[in-house]
Amino acid sequence: MVVRLLHRAHVRGAHLHLASLATIGLCLGLWIRAKTVDQDERGNAERRALFVGLWPPTLWVIGDSLAEHE
């Protein structure tokens, strides 16, 4: 159902694959930034980076499903 809705919205598998790679870069950027903040904020910044790090596999699998649907 989600794949059909994304296909109707003209989202292609390559778009989600690129978004997946972009979120890897975002995660790395957030992780590096977490090392520069003070100790009080570091835990929250690291959790944010780890949360964003969970997105790439999900986006990649949805992109694969869209590519098969195309």
Protein backbone atom coordinates (compact mmCIF):
# COMPACT_ATOMS: atom_id res chain seq x y z
CA MET A 1 0.00 0.00 0.00
CA VAL A 2 2.78 2.45 0.89
CA VAL A 3 4.70 1.48 -2.23
CA ARG A 4 1.67 2.16 -4.43
CA LEU A 5 1.10 5.55 -2.82
CA LEU A 6 4.74 6.53 -3.29
CA HIS A 7 4.65 5.34 -6.91
CA ARG A 8 1.54 7.44 -7.57
CA ALA A 9 3.36 10.43 -6.06
CA HIS A 10 6.11 9.88 -8.70
CA VAL A 11 8.71 8.84 -6.12
CA ARG A 12 11.14 6.36 -7.60
CA GLY A 13 13.40 3.80 -5.98
CA ALA A 14 16.50 5.81 -6.89
CA HIS A 15 15.12 8.78 -4.95
CA LEU A 16 14.89 6.72 -1.78
CA HIS A 17 18.29 5.15 -2.35
CA LEU A 18 19.80 8.64 -2.57
CA ALA A 19 17.88 9.69 0.54
CA SER A 20 19.28 6.64 2.32
CA LEU A 21 22.84 7.61 1.43
CA ALA A 22 22.14 11.21 2.47
CA THR A 23 20.93 10.10 5.90
CA ILE A 24 24.19 8.19 6.38
CA GLY A 25 26.02 11.46 5.80
CA LEU A 26 23.63 13.26 8.15
CA CYS A 27 24.22 10.64 10.83
CA LEU A 28 27.99 11.00 10.51
CA GLY A 29 27.69 14.79 10.66
CA LEU A 30 25.55 14.62 13.78
CA TRP A 31 27.94 12.15 15.39
CA ILE A 32 30.95 14.39 14.70
CA ARG A 33 29.02 17.38 16.02
CA ALA A 34 28.15 15.41 19.17
CA LYS A 35 31.85 15.14 19.94
CA THR A 36 32.22 18.94 19.89
CA VAL A 37 29.45 19.85 22.36
CA ASP A 38 29.94 19.97 26.11
CA GLN A 39 29.42 16.96 28.33
CA ASP A 40 25.89 17.97 29.42
CA GLU A 41 24.53 17.91 25.85
CA ARG A 42 26.68 15.10 24.46
CA GLY A 43 24.36 12.22 25.40
CA ASN A 44 21.38 13.83 23.73
CA ALA A 45 23.41 14.65 20.61
CA GLU A 46 24.69 11.07 20.37
CA ARG A 47 21.17 9.68 20.73
CA ARG A 48 20.02 11.99 17.93
CA ALA A 49 22.80 10.69 15.67
CA LEU A 50 21.92 7.08 16.46
CA PHE A 51 18.23 7.74 15.78
CA VAL A 52 19.03 9.18 12.36
CA GLY A 53 21.32 6.17 11.80
CA LEU A 54 18.28 3.91 11.89
CA TRP A 55 16.73 5.55 8.83
CA PRO A 56 19.02 4.36 5.97
CA PRO A 57 18.06 0.65 6.00
CA THR A 58 14.36 1.51 6.06
CA LEU A 59 14.65 3.96 3.18
CA TRP A 60 16.80 1.53 1.19
CA VAL A 61 14.30 -1.34 1.56
CA ILE A 62 11.39 0.89 0.56
CA GLY A 63 13.46 2.03 -2.43
CA ASP A 64 14.05 -1.60 -3.42
CA SER A 65 10.32 -2.28 -3.20
CA LEU A 66 9.61 0.73 -5.40
CA ALA A 67 12.23 -0.39 -7.92
CA GLU A 68 10.54 -3.80 -8.17
CA HIS A 69 7.15 -2.13 -8.57
CA GLU A 70 8.44 0.00 -11.44
